[in-house]
């Protein structure tokens, strides 16, 4: 897929909001169908995880406390005709340990979010046999 730059958004998420839910609501309100997301800040009691191919489902890791978002990267595409944010995070604790994975949940202490909208044919996620919702593959030809 080829895209051109659309609108650019930079905003702070209110304290106490669930970050993922807020980004999804923001994308829907602004009618963002495709884009890239990054952020910095910190989350309280986040739930992260990874997809376990042996069970075709996610394993969830529940962290307790406040964690610094060392990195947050992701994208927005369509899933069931609505904007859907797919976000991965690297989270640091007070001892300098790092935890990472797919973000499922996290209450905002501080979150400064950047979204770059992409213009072109929207990417749409479709359920696959392995349980994941993925885009169509891009042929090289």
N, C-alpha and C. Protein backbone atom coordinates (compact mmCIF):
# COMPACT_ATOMS: atom_id res chain seq x y z
N UNK A 1 0.83 -1.18 0.00
CA UNK A 1 0.00 0.00 0.00
C UNK A 1 0.88 1.25 0.00
N UNK A 2 0.44 2.21 -0.69
CA UNK A 2 1.15 3.49 -0.72
C UNK A 2 0.24 4.56 -0.14
N UNK A 3 0.82 5.42 0.69
CA UNK A 3 0.06 6.45 1.38
C UNK A 3 0.74 7.79 1.23
N UNK A 4 -0.03 8.83 1.44
CA UNK A 4 0.53 10.17 1.57
C UNK A 4 0.14 10.69 2.94
N UNK A 5 0.86 11.70 3.40
CA UNK A 5 0.61 12.25 4.72
C UNK A 5 -0.72 12.97 4.79
N UNK A 6 -1.43 12.72 5.86
CA UNK A 6 -2.67 13.41 6.14
C UNK A 6 -2.46 14.38 7.29
N UNK A 7 -3.44 14.50 8.12
CA UNK A 7 -3.36 15.39 9.28
C UNK A 7 -2.39 14.84 10.33
N UNK A 8 -1.86 15.75 11.14
CA UNK A 8 -0.96 15.38 12.23
C UNK A 8 -1.59 15.83 13.53
N UNK A 9 -1.60 14.93 14.52
CA UNK A 9 -2.20 15.23 15.82
C UNK A 9 -1.16 15.02 16.92
N UNK A 10 -1.14 15.93 17.87
CA UNK A 10 -0.30 15.82 19.05
C UNK A 10 -1.18 16.26 20.22
N UNK A 11 -1.39 15.36 21.18
CA UNK A 11 -2.32 15.67 22.27
C UNK A 11 -1.92 14.94 23.55
N UNK A 12 -2.46 15.44 24.66
CA UNK A 12 -2.25 14.81 25.96
C UNK A 12 -3.55 14.12 26.37
N UNK A 13 -3.42 12.90 26.83
CA UNK A 13 -4.57 12.12 27.28
C UNK A 13 -4.83 12.46 28.75
N UNK A 14 -6.09 12.68 29.13
CA UNK A 14 -6.39 13.00 30.54
C UNK A 14 -5.98 11.88 31.49
N UNK A 15 -5.49 12.27 32.65
CA UNK A 15 -5.10 11.30 33.68
C UNK A 15 -6.29 10.42 34.04
N UNK A 16 -6.01 9.12 34.22
CA UNK A 16 -7.03 8.17 34.62
C UNK A 16 -7.72 7.47 33.46
N UNK A 17 -7.59 8.00 32.26
CA UNK A 17 -8.19 7.36 31.08
C UNK A 17 -7.40 6.11 30.72
N UNK A 18 -8.08 5.12 30.16
CA UNK A 18 -7.37 3.99 29.59
C UNK A 18 -6.77 4.44 28.26
N UNK A 19 -5.47 4.31 28.10
CA UNK A 19 -4.78 4.85 26.93
C UNK A 19 -5.31 4.26 25.62
N UNK A 20 -5.41 2.96 25.53
CA UNK A 20 -5.84 2.32 24.30
C UNK A 20 -7.27 2.72 23.93
N UNK A 21 -8.17 2.71 24.90
CA UNK A 21 -9.55 3.12 24.64
C UNK A 21 -9.62 4.56 24.17
N UNK A 22 -8.81 5.44 24.80
CA UNK A 22 -8.82 6.86 24.42
C UNK A 22 -8.33 7.04 22.98
N UNK A 23 -7.25 6.37 22.61
CA UNK A 23 -6.73 6.49 21.25
C UNK A 23 -7.77 6.00 20.25
N UNK A 24 -8.45 4.90 20.56
CA UNK A 24 -9.50 4.41 19.66
C UNK A 24 -10.65 5.41 19.53
N UNK A 25 -11.07 6.00 20.64
CA UNK A 25 -12.15 7.00 20.59
C UNK A 25 -11.71 8.25 19.83
N UNK A 26 -10.46 8.67 20.04
CA UNK A 26 -9.92 9.84 19.34
C UNK A 26 -9.91 9.58 17.83
N UNK A 27 -9.41 8.42 17.43
CA UNK A 27 -9.34 8.09 16.00
C UNK A 27 -10.74 8.06 15.39
N UNK A 28 -11.69 7.52 16.12
CA UNK A 28 -13.06 7.48 15.60
C UNK A 28 -13.64 8.89 15.49
N UNK A 29 -13.43 9.72 16.50
CA UNK A 29 -13.96 11.09 16.49
C UNK A 29 -13.35 11.92 15.37
N UNK A 30 -12.07 11.71 15.08
CA UNK A 30 -11.38 12.46 14.02
C UNK A 30 -11.45 11.77 12.66
N UNK A 31 -12.15 10.62 12.61
CA UNK A 31 -12.31 9.85 11.37
C UNK A 31 -10.97 9.45 10.75
N UNK A 32 -10.04 9.02 11.62
CA UNK A 32 -8.74 8.52 11.18
C UNK A 32 -8.92 7.04 10.86
N UNK A 33 -8.70 6.68 9.59
CA UNK A 33 -8.87 5.28 9.17
C UNK A 33 -7.54 4.55 9.12
N UNK A 34 -6.46 5.28 8.87
CA UNK A 34 -5.13 4.68 8.80
C UNK A 34 -4.13 5.69 9.35
N UNK A 35 -3.18 5.23 10.15
CA UNK A 35 -2.19 6.15 10.69
C UNK A 35 -1.15 5.42 11.51
N UNK A 36 -0.17 6.19 11.96
CA UNK A 36 0.86 5.67 12.85
C UNK A 36 0.78 6.42 14.17
N UNK A 37 1.11 5.72 15.25
CA UNK A 37 0.98 6.25 16.60
C UNK A 37 2.29 6.09 17.35
N UNK A 38 2.64 7.10 18.12
CA UNK A 38 3.74 6.98 19.08
C UNK A 38 3.37 7.81 20.30
N UNK A 39 4.01 7.53 21.43
CA UNK A 39 3.68 8.26 22.65
C UNK A 39 4.80 8.11 23.68
N UNK A 40 4.77 9.02 24.64
CA UNK A 40 5.62 8.94 25.82
C UNK A 40 4.75 9.27 27.02
N UNK A 41 5.23 8.92 28.20
CA UNK A 41 4.49 9.21 29.42
C UNK A 41 4.63 8.06 30.40
N UNK A 42 3.57 7.81 31.15
CA UNK A 42 3.60 6.70 32.11
C UNK A 42 2.19 6.15 32.31
N UNK A 43 2.13 4.84 32.60
CA UNK A 43 0.87 4.12 32.78
C UNK A 43 0.83 3.46 34.14
N UNK A 44 -0.37 3.38 34.70
CA UNK A 44 -0.60 2.69 35.97
C UNK A 44 -1.23 1.34 35.71
N UNK A 45 -0.73 0.32 36.39
CA UNK A 45 -1.27 -1.03 36.35
C UNK A 45 -1.56 -1.52 34.92
N UNK A 46 -0.57 -1.43 34.04
CA UNK A 46 -0.81 -1.84 32.65
C UNK A 46 -0.92 -3.35 32.49
N UNK A 47 -1.66 -3.73 31.45
CA UNK A 47 -1.73 -5.14 31.04
C UNK A 47 -1.14 -5.21 29.64
N UNK A 48 -0.09 -6.03 29.53
CA UNK A 48 0.56 -6.22 28.24
C UNK A 48 0.56 -7.72 27.93
N UNK A 49 0.98 -8.08 26.74
CA UNK A 49 1.00 -9.50 26.44
C UNK A 49 1.68 -9.80 25.13
N UNK A 50 1.64 -11.08 24.80
CA UNK A 50 2.22 -11.54 23.55
C UNK A 50 1.35 -12.68 23.03
N UNK A 51 1.37 -12.87 21.71
CA UNK A 51 0.58 -13.93 21.10
C UNK A 51 1.33 -15.24 21.18
N UNK A 52 0.71 -16.22 21.80
CA UNK A 52 1.30 -17.55 21.96
C UNK A 52 0.77 -18.45 20.84
N UNK A 53 1.65 -18.80 19.92
CA UNK A 53 1.25 -19.61 18.77
C UNK A 53 0.79 -21.01 19.16
N UNK A 54 1.25 -21.51 20.30
CA UNK A 54 0.85 -22.85 20.72
C UNK A 54 -0.62 -22.93 21.10
N UNK A 55 -1.16 -21.84 21.61
CA UNK A 55 -2.57 -21.84 22.03
C UNK A 55 -3.43 -20.92 21.16
N UNK A 56 -2.82 -20.26 20.16
CA UNK A 56 -3.52 -19.31 19.29
C UNK A 56 -4.31 -18.26 20.08
N UNK A 57 -3.65 -17.72 21.09
CA UNK A 57 -4.28 -16.68 21.90
C UNK A 57 -3.18 -15.88 22.60
N UNK A 58 -3.58 -14.76 23.18
CA UNK A 58 -2.63 -13.92 23.88
C UNK A 58 -2.44 -14.38 25.32
N UNK A 59 -1.20 -14.27 25.77
CA UNK A 59 -0.87 -14.45 27.18
C UNK A 59 -0.75 -13.04 27.77
N UNK A 60 -1.47 -12.79 28.82
CA UNK A 60 -1.52 -11.46 29.42
C UNK A 60 -0.58 -11.39 30.62
N UNK A 61 0.16 -10.29 30.70
CA UNK A 61 1.04 -10.01 31.84
C UNK A 61 0.47 -8.78 32.53
N UNK A 62 0.05 -8.93 33.79
CA UNK A 62 -0.52 -7.82 34.55
C UNK A 62 0.57 -7.22 35.44
N UNK A 63 0.89 -5.97 35.21
CA UNK A 63 1.91 -5.28 35.99
C UNK A 63 1.22 -4.37 37.02
N UNK A 64 1.80 -4.29 38.22
CA UNK A 64 1.23 -3.44 39.27
C UNK A 64 2.15 -2.27 39.53
N UNK A 65 1.56 -1.09 39.60
CA UNK A 65 2.32 0.11 39.87
C UNK A 65 2.32 1.04 38.67
N UNK A 66 3.19 2.04 38.74
CA UNK A 66 3.31 3.02 37.66
C UNK A 66 4.59 2.74 36.88
N UNK A 67 4.48 2.72 35.55
CA UNK A 67 5.58 2.38 34.67
C UNK A 67 5.78 3.46 33.63
N UNK A 68 7.05 3.81 33.41
CA UNK A 68 7.41 4.79 32.38
C UNK A 68 7.28 4.17 31.00
N UNK A 69 6.61 4.88 30.08
CA UNK A 69 6.55 4.42 28.69
C UNK A 69 7.86 4.80 28.02
N UNK A 70 8.79 3.87 27.98
CA UNK A 70 10.08 4.10 27.34
C UNK A 70 9.87 4.24 25.84
N UNK A 71 8.92 3.48 25.31
CA UNK A 71 8.58 3.55 23.90
C UNK A 71 7.16 3.07 23.72
N UNK A 72 6.43 3.70 22.84
CA UNK A 72 5.11 3.24 22.41
C UNK A 72 5.04 3.47 20.92
N UNK A 73 4.80 2.41 20.18
CA UNK A 73 4.66 2.51 18.72
C UNK A 73 3.46 1.69 18.30
N UNK A 74 2.83 2.10 17.22
CA UNK A 74 1.69 1.35 16.75
C UNK A 74 1.10 1.96 15.50
N UNK A 75 -0.07 1.46 15.18
CA UNK A 75 -0.76 1.96 14.00
C UNK A 75 -2.26 1.96 14.23
N UNK A 76 -2.95 2.66 13.36
CA UNK A 76 -4.41 2.67 13.33
C UNK A 76 -4.83 2.14 11.97
N UNK A 77 -5.75 1.20 11.98
CA UNK A 77 -6.37 0.71 10.75
C UNK A 77 -7.82 0.40 11.09
N UNK A 78 -8.54 -0.18 10.17
CA UNK A 78 -9.94 -0.50 10.42
C UNK A 78 -10.11 -1.95 10.84
N UNK A 79 -10.98 -2.15 11.80
CA UNK A 79 -11.38 -3.50 12.22
C UNK A 79 -12.88 -3.43 12.46
N UNK A 80 -13.62 -4.27 11.77
CA UNK A 80 -15.09 -4.21 11.83
C UNK A 80 -15.60 -2.81 11.50
N UNK A 81 -14.95 -2.19 10.52
CA UNK A 81 -15.33 -0.89 9.98
C UNK A 81 -15.14 0.28 10.94
N UNK A 82 -14.41 0.07 12.04
CA UNK A 82 -14.12 1.14 12.99
C UNK A 82 -12.62 1.26 13.18
N UNK A 83 -12.13 2.47 13.51
CA UNK A 83 -10.70 2.63 13.77
C UNK A 83 -10.26 1.73 14.94
N UNK A 84 -9.11 1.09 14.74
CA UNK A 84 -8.57 0.15 15.72
C UNK A 84 -7.08 0.42 15.88
N UNK A 85 -6.67 0.77 17.09
CA UNK A 85 -5.26 1.03 17.38
C UNK A 85 -4.58 -0.27 17.82
N UNK A 86 -3.50 -0.62 17.13
CA UNK A 86 -2.66 -1.77 17.48
C UNK A 86 -1.37 -1.19 18.02
N UNK A 87 -1.14 -1.37 19.32
CA UNK A 87 -0.05 -0.66 20.01
C UNK A 87 0.84 -1.64 20.77
N UNK A 88 2.15 -1.42 20.65
CA UNK A 88 3.14 -2.14 21.45
C UNK A 88 3.87 -1.13 22.33
N UNK A 89 4.25 -1.58 23.53
CA UNK A 89 4.93 -0.69 24.47
C UNK A 89 6.15 -1.35 25.06
N UNK A 90 7.09 -0.51 25.45
CA UNK A 90 8.20 -0.90 26.33
C UNK A 90 8.02 -0.05 27.58
N UNK A 91 7.91 -0.71 28.73
CA UNK A 91 7.61 -0.04 30.00
C UNK A 91 8.74 -0.29 30.99
N UNK A 92 9.19 0.78 31.63
CA UNK A 92 10.25 0.67 32.61
C UNK A 92 9.74 0.88 34.02
N UNK A 93 10.29 0.12 34.97
CA UNK A 93 9.91 0.30 36.38
C UNK A 93 10.95 1.15 37.10
N UNK A 94 10.75 1.35 38.38
CA UNK A 94 11.63 2.19 39.19
C UNK A 94 13.02 1.63 39.40
N UNK A 95 13.23 0.36 39.07
CA UNK A 95 14.54 -0.28 39.20
C UNK A 95 15.27 -0.35 37.87
N UNK A 96 14.65 0.20 36.82
CA UNK A 96 15.28 0.17 35.50
C UNK A 96 15.00 -1.09 34.70
N UNK A 97 14.13 -1.97 35.22
CA UNK A 97 13.75 -3.17 34.47
C UNK A 97 12.77 -2.78 33.38
N UNK A 98 12.82 -3.52 32.28
CA UNK A 98 11.99 -3.22 31.12
C UNK A 98 11.05 -4.38 30.83
N UNK A 99 9.79 -4.04 30.56
CA UNK A 99 8.76 -5.00 30.19
C UNK A 99 8.19 -4.56 28.86
N UNK A 100 7.86 -5.49 27.99
CA UNK A 100 7.33 -5.08 26.70
C UNK A 100 6.35 -6.05 26.12
N UNK A 101 5.52 -5.53 25.23
CA UNK A 101 4.58 -6.38 24.53
C UNK A 101 3.43 -5.57 23.96
N UNK A 102 2.41 -6.29 23.58
CA UNK A 102 1.19 -5.72 23.04
C UNK A 102 0.42 -5.05 24.19
N UNK A 103 -0.02 -3.81 24.02
CA UNK A 103 -0.76 -3.11 25.07
C UNK A 103 -2.23 -3.52 25.02
N UNK A 104 -2.73 -4.01 26.15
CA UNK A 104 -4.14 -4.35 26.28
C UNK A 104 -4.88 -3.32 27.12
N UNK A 105 -4.18 -2.76 28.10
CA UNK A 105 -4.85 -1.84 29.01
C UNK A 105 -3.79 -1.08 29.80
N UNK A 106 -4.11 0.14 30.18
CA UNK A 106 -3.21 0.91 31.03
C UNK A 106 -3.82 2.27 31.32
N UNK A 107 -4.00 2.56 32.60
CA UNK A 107 -4.54 3.86 33.01
C UNK A 107 -3.43 4.90 32.92
N UNK A 108 -3.77 6.03 32.34
CA UNK A 108 -2.80 7.10 32.11
C UNK A 108 -2.49 7.84 33.40
N UNK A 109 -1.19 7.99 33.68
CA UNK A 109 -0.72 8.99 34.63
C UNK A 109 -0.37 10.23 33.83
N UNK A 110 0.49 10.04 32.82
CA UNK A 110 0.81 11.08 31.84
C UNK A 110 0.92 10.40 30.49
N UNK A 111 0.34 10.99 29.45
CA UNK A 111 0.51 10.42 28.10
C UNK A 111 0.42 11.53 27.07
N UNK A 112 1.52 11.70 26.34
CA UNK A 112 1.59 12.63 25.21
C UNK A 112 1.66 11.79 23.94
N UNK A 113 0.64 11.93 23.10
CA UNK A 113 0.44 11.03 21.96
C UNK A 113 0.60 11.80 20.65
N UNK A 114 1.26 11.14 19.69
CA UNK A 114 1.42 11.65 18.33
C UNK A 114 0.74 10.68 17.39
N UNK A 115 -0.14 11.19 16.52
CA UNK A 115 -0.75 10.37 15.47
C UNK A 115 -0.53 11.07 14.14
N UNK A 116 0.04 10.34 13.20
CA UNK A 116 0.18 10.83 11.82
C UNK A 116 -0.83 10.06 10.98
N UNK A 117 -1.84 10.77 10.51
CA UNK A 117 -2.83 10.15 9.64
C UNK A 117 -2.20 9.86 8.28
N UNK A 118 -2.58 8.75 7.69
CA UNK A 118 -2.11 8.39 6.36
C UNK A 118 -3.31 8.34 5.41
N UNK A 119 -3.15 8.97 4.25
CA UNK A 119 -4.22 9.03 3.25
C UNK A 119 -3.95 8.02 2.15
N UNK A 120 -4.97 7.30 1.77
CA UNK A 120 -4.91 6.28 0.75
C UNK A 120 -6.02 5.29 1.02
N UNK A 121 -6.00 4.16 0.37
CA UNK A 121 -7.00 3.13 0.65
C UNK A 121 -6.80 2.63 2.07
N UNK A 122 -7.85 2.65 2.90
CA UNK A 122 -7.69 2.24 4.30
C UNK A 122 -7.25 0.78 4.42
N UNK A 123 -6.40 0.52 5.38
CA UNK A 123 -6.03 -0.85 5.72
C UNK A 123 -7.13 -1.42 6.60
N UNK A 124 -7.54 -2.65 6.31
CA UNK A 124 -8.59 -3.27 7.10
C UNK A 124 -8.11 -4.61 7.65
N UNK A 125 -8.33 -4.82 8.94
CA UNK A 125 -7.95 -6.06 9.59
C UNK A 125 -9.08 -7.08 9.42
N UNK A 126 -8.67 -8.31 9.08
CA UNK A 126 -9.64 -9.39 8.94
C UNK A 126 -9.18 -10.57 9.77
N UNK A 127 -10.13 -11.23 10.41
CA UNK A 127 -9.84 -12.38 11.25
C UNK A 127 -9.23 -13.51 10.42
N UNK A 128 -8.14 -14.08 10.93
CA UNK A 128 -7.45 -15.19 10.26
C UNK A 128 -7.67 -16.48 11.05
N UNK A 129 -7.30 -17.59 10.45
CA UNK A 129 -7.47 -18.90 11.10
C UNK A 129 -6.71 -19.02 12.41
N UNK A 130 -5.59 -18.30 12.53
CA UNK A 130 -4.78 -18.40 13.74
C UNK A 130 -5.31 -17.53 14.88
N UNK A 131 -6.44 -16.84 14.66
CA UNK A 131 -7.03 -16.01 15.71
C UNK A 131 -6.63 -14.55 15.67
N UNK A 132 -5.67 -14.21 14.82
CA UNK A 132 -5.23 -12.82 14.69
C UNK A 132 -6.06 -12.08 13.65
N UNK A 133 -6.24 -10.78 13.86
CA UNK A 133 -6.86 -9.92 12.85
C UNK A 133 -5.74 -9.17 12.14
N UNK A 134 -5.53 -9.49 10.86
CA UNK A 134 -4.38 -8.97 10.11
C UNK A 134 -4.81 -8.29 8.83
N UNK A 135 -3.92 -7.45 8.29
CA UNK A 135 -4.12 -6.84 6.98
C UNK A 135 -3.84 -7.89 5.92
N UNK A 136 -4.26 -7.59 4.69
CA UNK A 136 -3.87 -8.41 3.55
C UNK A 136 -2.37 -8.23 3.34
N UNK A 137 -1.74 -9.26 2.84
CA UNK A 137 -0.30 -9.17 2.52
C UNK A 137 -0.10 -8.30 1.30
N UNK A 138 1.02 -7.63 1.26
CA UNK A 138 1.37 -6.75 0.14
C UNK A 138 2.29 -7.49 -0.83
N UNK A 139 1.81 -7.79 -2.05
CA UNK A 139 2.71 -8.46 -3.01
C UNK A 139 3.79 -7.48 -3.49
N UNK A 140 4.96 -8.01 -3.81
CA UNK A 140 6.07 -7.18 -4.26
C UNK A 140 5.95 -6.83 -5.74
N UNK A 141 5.12 -7.48 -6.48
CA UNK A 141 5.01 -7.23 -7.92
C UNK A 141 4.07 -6.09 -8.21
